[in-house]
């Protein structure tokens, strides 16, 4: 009897131990953030943030407070904003956001909203405020001409507002926008006028390009003429230089010959030139050419 009771107690103890060991583990998913929570002392461990998911041994009465780390999406319809010049504009927009993955923001988020996503309504209120603030910085026409700039400004303003509640927007998109009919007619007329201006500028640019092309051709032809003239001038200069070099060569040769004769005959250069002059006259066979011409006394021996 006593032996059977001991076995029963042992079995029960083992079962209880297994159960207690099993419930000492806590886990959270890969798309969640978690912080430790002591259910026995009702205490939150605000020193460590758990990320990436996993299963952890924590002890009896210990667990995790879990928060979604994935993007959450909000889509708001029919939000009326006003431009800086007072035009009412009805907008639909959507954005995604997520909880900031740091311990301070997660802890404060829990204190304000709990871990169950109770922030949705205040997120939408914050987004309305952000979009209205951003819209008021632009004039009515800007919403049709600067849509990308306005969208970026709204995202920046949304980031500032959601940062107050520990969240960060990741995307923002204006999905629809409408204005009063009268203003829409003005916008349409303005767009047509802008298109007409664009067409006129295009035609003007075509004319300018054609004119520039003609000027370029004429300039090129003028450049060719100048190059041809330069080539001709260089050719003439080269020819003149060649002739000058030949003349200088002949003069140099004759000068050298005259000098050699003066040295050979022991005469001055002037006397040699006089002799050559008289000899040339004599060779013409015309007596009248040398009548009255006398050889210099120093050339009598050379005249024969």
Protein backbone atom coordinates (compact mmCIF):
# COMPACT_ATOMS: atom_id res chain seq x y z
CA UNK A 1 0.00 0.00 0.00
CA UNK A 2 2.73 2.37 0.97
CA UNK A 3 4.77 1.33 -2.07
CA UNK A 4 1.87 2.07 -4.43
CA UNK A 5 1.34 5.50 -2.87
CA UNK A 6 5.00 6.36 -3.33
CA UNK A 7 4.83 5.42 -6.98
CA UNK A 8 1.75 7.56 -7.44
CA UNK A 9 3.37 10.54 -5.77
CA UNK A 10 6.48 10.10 -7.89
CA UNK A 11 4.46 9.96 -11.07
CA UNK A 12 2.45 13.03 -10.10
CA UNK A 13 5.61 14.88 -9.16
CA UNK A 14 7.16 14.05 -12.51
CA UNK A 15 4.09 15.17 -14.39
CA UNK A 16 3.90 18.42 -12.44
CA UNK A 17 7.61 19.01 -12.99
CA UNK A 18 7.23 18.45 -16.71
CA UNK A 19 4.28 20.81 -16.83
CA UNK A 20 6.08 23.48 -14.81
CA UNK A 21 9.17 23.11 -17.02
CA UNK A 22 7.08 23.39 -20.16
CA UNK A 23 5.28 26.53 -19.03
CA UNK A 24 8.60 28.11 -18.12
CA UNK A 25 9.27 28.61 -21.84
CA UNK A 26 7.93 31.57 -23.80
CA UNK A 27 8.17 32.30 -27.48
CA UNK A 28 7.33 34.99 -30.05
CA UNK A 29 7.24 35.04 -33.86
CA UNK A 30 9.77 36.38 -36.38
CA UNK A 31 7.45 39.30 -37.23
CA UNK A 32 7.15 40.42 -33.62
CA UNK A 33 9.04 42.44 -31.04
CA UNK A 34 8.90 41.36 -27.41
CA UNK A 35 9.75 42.53 -23.89
CA UNK A 36 9.81 40.41 -20.73
CA UNK A 37 6.85 40.54 -18.34
CA UNK A 38 6.82 39.08 -14.82
CA UNK A 39 3.25 38.08 -14.06
CA UNK A 40 4.11 37.29 -10.45
CA UNK A 41 5.39 40.77 -9.66
CA UNK A 42 3.50 42.58 -12.44
CA UNK A 43 6.81 43.97 -13.58
CA UNK A 44 8.10 44.81 -17.07
CA UNK A 45 11.79 44.41 -17.91
CA UNK A 46 12.48 47.69 -19.73
CA UNK A 47 16.17 46.97 -20.32
CA UNK A 48 16.12 44.44 -23.16
CA UNK A 49 14.14 44.26 -26.40
CA UNK A 50 13.81 40.87 -28.08
CA UNK A 51 13.72 40.75 -31.88
CA UNK A 52 13.74 38.14 -34.70
CA UNK A 53 11.59 35.63 -32.82
CA UNK A 54 12.50 32.53 -30.82
CA UNK A 55 11.75 30.34 -27.80
CA UNK A 56 13.26 31.20 -24.43
CA UNK A 57 13.36 29.64 -20.97
CA UNK A 58 12.15 32.29 -18.53
CA UNK A 59 10.75 30.58 -15.48
CA UNK A 60 7.30 30.15 -14.03
CA UNK A 61 5.14 33.23 -14.27
CA UNK A 62 7.45 34.87 -16.81
CA UNK A 63 6.35 35.71 -20.34
CA UNK A 64 6.55 38.12 -23.24
CA UNK A 65 4.57 41.18 -24.21
CA UNK A 66 4.44 41.01 -28.00
CA UNK A 67 4.22 43.77 -30.63
CA UNK A 68 3.90 43.47 -34.39
CA UNK A 69 7.04 44.54 -36.26
CA UNK A 70 5.54 44.34 -39.74
CA UNK A 71 4.11 47.26 -41.70
CA UNK A 72 0.60 48.30 -40.88
CA UNK A 73 -1.49 50.06 -43.51
CA UNK A 74 -4.08 52.80 -43.18
CA UNK A 75 -6.27 54.08 -46.01
CA UNK A 76 -8.35 57.19 -45.40
CA UNK A 77 -11.10 58.49 -47.69
CA UNK A 78 -12.73 61.85 -48.23
CA UNK A 79 -10.35 63.92 -46.12
CA UNK A 80 -10.92 67.63 -46.78
CA UNK A 81 -7.87 69.89 -46.65
CA UNK A 82 -7.38 73.52 -47.64
CA UNK A 83 -4.64 75.11 -49.69
CA UNK A 84 -2.87 78.26 -48.52
CA UNK A 85 -5.27 80.34 -50.64
CA UNK A 86 -8.33 78.68 -49.11
CA UNK A 87 -9.44 76.18 -51.79
CA UNK A 88 -11.05 73.03 -50.29
CA UNK A 89 -9.54 69.83 -51.70
CA UNK A 90 -10.94 66.37 -51.01
CA UNK A 91 -8.28 63.66 -50.80
CA UNK A 92 -7.99 59.91 -50.41
CA UNK A 93 -4.59 58.70 -49.26
CA UNK A 94 -2.90 55.61 -47.90
CA UNK A 95 0.27 55.01 -45.92
CA UNK A 96 2.14 52.27 -44.11
CA UNK A 97 3.86 52.53 -40.76
CA UNK A 98 5.60 50.42 -38.15
CA UNK A 99 6.64 50.51 -34.52
CA UNK A 100 10.14 51.85 -33.89
CA UNK A 101 12.39 48.91 -33.02
CA UNK A 102 14.10 50.30 -29.92
CA UNK A 103 13.45 49.55 -26.28
CA UNK A 104 12.48 53.07 -25.18
CA UNK A 105 9.85 53.53 -27.88
CA UNK A 106 8.41 50.01 -27.48
CA UNK A 107 8.12 50.47 -23.71
CA UNK A 108 6.42 53.88 -24.04
CA UNK A 109 4.17 52.51 -26.77
CA UNK A 110 3.04 49.76 -24.41
CA UNK A 111 2.32 52.24 -21.62
CA UNK A 112 0.19 54.38 -23.99
CA UNK A 113 -1.55 51.78 -26.14
CA UNK A 114 -0.86 48.29 -24.85
CA UNK A 115 0.38 45.46 -27.09
CA UNK A 116 -2.87 44.90 -29.01
CA UNK A 117 -2.65 47.64 -31.67
CA UNK A 118 -4.99 50.08 -29.94
CA UNK A 119 -3.11 52.95 -31.60
CA UNK A 120 -4.99 52.71 -34.90
CA UNK A 121 -7.52 55.45 -34.22
CA UNK A 122 -4.92 57.92 -32.95
CA UNK A 123 -2.69 57.10 -35.93
CA UNK A 124 -5.48 58.12 -38.28
CA UNK A 125 -6.08 61.31 -36.29
CA UNK A 126 -2.37 62.13 -36.40
CA UNK A 127 -2.28 61.50 -40.14
CA UNK A 128 -5.21 63.88 -40.75
CA UNK A 129 -3.42 66.60 -38.80
CA UNK A 130 -0.19 66.01 -40.71
CA UNK A 131 -1.88 66.09 -44.13
CA UNK A 132 -3.79 69.27 -43.31
CA UNK A 133 -0.64 70.99 -42.09
CA UNK A 134 1.28 70.02 -45.22
CA UNK A 135 -1.55 71.01 -47.59
CA UNK A 136 -1.77 74.49 -46.08
CA UNK A 137 1.78 75.25 -47.30
CA UNK A 138 0.80 75.08 -50.98
CA UNK A 139 -1.44 77.11 -53.26
CA UNK A 140 -4.32 75.49 -55.13
CA UNK A 141 -2.54 75.25 -58.49
CA UNK A 142 0.42 73.53 -56.82
CA UNK A 143 -1.69 70.44 -56.19
CA UNK A 144 -1.77 69.87 -59.95
CA UNK A 145 1.71 71.08 -60.83
CA UNK A 146 3.76 69.88 -57.84
CA UNK A 147 2.04 66.69 -56.81
CA UNK A 148 5.27 64.76 -56.12
CA UNK A 149 6.64 67.61 -54.02
CA UNK A 150 3.41 67.81 -52.05
CA UNK A 151 3.42 64.06 -51.50
CA UNK A 152 7.00 64.20 -50.16
CA UNK A 153 6.08 67.10 -47.87
CA UNK A 154 3.08 65.18 -46.52
CA UNK A 155 5.24 62.13 -45.83
CA UNK A 156 7.74 64.31 -43.95
CA UNK A 157 4.97 65.90 -41.89
CA UNK A 158 3.46 62.47 -41.22
CA UNK A 159 6.85 61.23 -40.01
CA UNK A 160 7.01 64.13 -37.55
CA UNK A 161 3.49 63.50 -36.20
CA UNK A 162 3.76 59.70 -35.91
CA UNK A 163 7.16 60.06 -34.27
CA UNK A 164 5.30 61.54 -31.30
CA UNK A 165 3.65 58.14 -30.73
CA UNK A 166 6.77 56.02 -31.40
CA UNK A 167 5.91 55.07 -34.99
CA UNK A 168 7.58 55.66 -38.36
CA UNK A 169 5.72 55.95 -41.70
CA UNK A 170 7.37 53.93 -44.48
CA UNK A 171 5.26 54.88 -47.52
CA UNK A 172 2.70 57.53 -48.43
CA UNK A 173 0.51 57.88 -51.52
CA UNK A 174 -2.24 60.25 -52.61
CA UNK A 175 -4.74 57.88 -54.25
CA UNK A 176 -7.42 60.43 -55.22
CA UNK A 177 -7.89 64.17 -55.24
CA UNK A 178 -10.83 66.34 -56.28
CA UNK A 179 -11.62 70.06 -56.31
CA UNK A 180 -14.81 72.10 -56.83
CA UNK A 181 -16.14 72.02 -60.42
CA UNK A 182 -15.50 75.72 -61.10
CA UNK A 183 -11.89 75.39 -60.14
CA UNK A 184 -11.59 72.17 -62.16
CA UNK A 185 -12.72 74.11 -65.26
CA UNK A 186 -10.07 76.74 -64.57
CA UNK A 187 -7.46 74.01 -64.17
CA UNK A 188 -8.49 72.43 -67.48
CA UNK A 189 -8.27 75.78 -69.29
CA UNK A 190 -4.90 76.41 -67.69
CA UNK A 191 -3.60 73.02 -68.76
CA UNK A 192 -4.71 73.68 -72.34
CA UNK A 193 -2.95 77.05 -72.28
CA UNK A 194 0.20 75.40 -70.90
CA UNK A 195 0.09 72.79 -73.65
CA UNK A 196 -0.28 75.52 -76.27
CA UNK A 197 2.75 77.26 -74.82
CA UNK A 198 4.70 74.00 -74.92
CA UNK A 199 3.76 73.45 -78.57
CA UNK A 200 4.75 77.04 -79.43
CA UNK A 201 8.08 76.62 -77.63
CA UNK A 202 8.64 73.35 -79.49
CA UNK A 203 8.03 75.01 -82.86
CA UNK A 204 10.27 77.90 -81.84
CA UNK A 205 13.00 75.49 -80.86
CA UNK A 206 12.65 73.69 -84.21
CA UNK A 207 13.08 77.01 -86.04
CA UNK A 208 16.02 77.94 -83.84
CA UNK A 209 17.65 74.56 -84.42
CA UNK A 210 17.19 74.89 -88.19
CA UNK A 211 18.68 78.39 -88.11
CA UNK A 212 21.54 77.22 -85.94
CA UNK A 213 22.14 74.40 -88.41
CA UNK A 214 22.30 76.83 -91.34
CA UNK A 215 24.68 79.08 -89.44
CA UNK A 216 26.80 76.05 -88.57
CA UNK A 217 26.98 75.03 -92.26
CA UNK A 218 27.92 78.55 -93.32
CA UNK A 219 30.50 78.75 -90.56
CA UNK A 220 31.94 75.41 -91.67
CA UNK A 221 32.13 76.59 -95.28
CA UNK A 222 33.84 79.80 -94.16
CA UNK A 223 36.28 77.73 -92.13
CA UNK A 224 37.01 75.59 -95.19
CA UNK A 225 37.61 78.76 -97.27
CA UNK A 226 39.97 80.09 -94.65
CA UNK A 227 41.80 76.78 -94.44
CA UNK A 228 42.11 76.66 -98.25
CA UNK A 229 43.42 80.24 -98.36
CA UNK A 230 45.88 79.43 -95.60
CA UNK A 231 47.05 76.36 -97.49
CA UNK A 232 47.50 78.40 -100.68
CA UNK A 233 49.37 81.09 -98.78
CA UNK A 234 51.62 78.51 -97.19
CA UNK A 235 52.26 76.98 -100.63
CA UNK A 236 53.21 80.39 -102.09
CA UNK A 237 55.41 81.14 -99.14
CA UNK A 238 57.13 77.81 -99.58
CA UNK A 239 57.64 78.51 -103.31
CA UNK A 240 59.02 82.00 -102.64
CA UNK A 241 61.29 80.65 -99.95
CA UNK A 242 62.55 78.02 -102.41
CA UNK A 243 63.22 80.66 -105.08
CA UNK A 244 64.91 82.91 -102.54
CA UNK A 245 67.07 80.00 -101.41
CA UNK A 246 68.06 79.30 -105.07
CA UNK A 247 68.83 82.97 -105.68
CA UNK A 248 70.87 83.16 -102.52
CA UNK A 249 72.73 80.05 -103.62
CA UNK A 250 73.53 81.57 -107.04
CA UNK A 251 74.61 84.87 -105.50
CA UNK A 252 76.74 83.03 -102.99
CA UNK A 253 78.31 80.92 -105.74
CA UNK A 254 79.03 83.95 -107.95
CA UNK A 255 80.42 85.87 -105.00
CA UNK A 256 82.68 82.97 -104.17
CA UNK A 257 83.79 82.70 -107.84
CA UNK A 258 84.47 86.45 -108.03
CA UNK A 259 86.51 86.24 -104.88
CA UNK A 260 88.50 83.28 -106.20
CA UNK A 261 89.23 85.16 -109.48
CA UNK A 262 90.35 88.26 -107.58
CA UNK A 263 92.70 86.10 -105.56
CA UNK A 264 94.01 84.26 -108.60
CA UNK A 265 94.60 87.39 -110.70
CA UNK A 266 95.75 89.44 -107.75
CA UNK A 267 93.16 92.10 -108.55
CA UNK A 268 90.53 93.87 -106.58
CA UNK A 269 86.92 92.81 -106.89
CA UNK A 270 86.10 96.05 -108.75
CA UNK A 271 88.85 95.38 -111.28
CA UNK A 272 87.63 91.85 -111.89
CA UNK A 273 84.09 93.13 -112.46
CA UNK A 274 85.41 95.77 -114.92
CA UNK A 275 87.25 93.10 -116.87
CA UNK A 276 84.21 90.85 -117.02
CA UNK A 277 82.13 93.81 -118.20
CA UNK A 278 84.57 94.66 -121.03
CA UNK A 279 84.89 91.03 -122.04
CA UNK A 280 81.15 90.75 -122.35
CA UNK A 281 81.02 93.81 -124.62
CA UNK A 282 83.81 92.44 -126.76
CA UNK A 283 82.04 89.13 -127.28
CA UNK A 284 79.09 90.87 -128.85
CA UNK A 285 81.22 91.47 -132.04
CA UNK A 286 79.76 94.97 -132.35
CA UNK A 287 82.66 97.48 -132.54
CA UNK A 288 80.46 100.42 -131.76
CA UNK A 289 79.69 98.95 -128.33
CA UNK A 290 83.27 99.20 -127.15
CA UNK A 291 84.35 102.35 -128.88
CA UNK A 292 85.83 104.67 -126.38
CA UNK A 293 86.00 101.86 -123.80
CA UNK A 294 89.48 101.31 -122.45
CA UNK A 295 90.71 98.50 -120.29
CA UNK A 296 92.04 99.54 -116.94
CA UNK A 297 95.81 99.62 -117.03
CA UNK A 298 95.92 96.71 -114.65
CA UNK A 299 93.90 94.56 -117.11
CA UNK A 300 95.99 95.14 -120.27
CA UNK A 301 97.80 91.87 -119.79
CA UNK A 302 94.50 90.02 -119.52
CA UNK A 303 92.92 91.58 -122.63
CA UNK A 304 95.41 89.97 -125.03
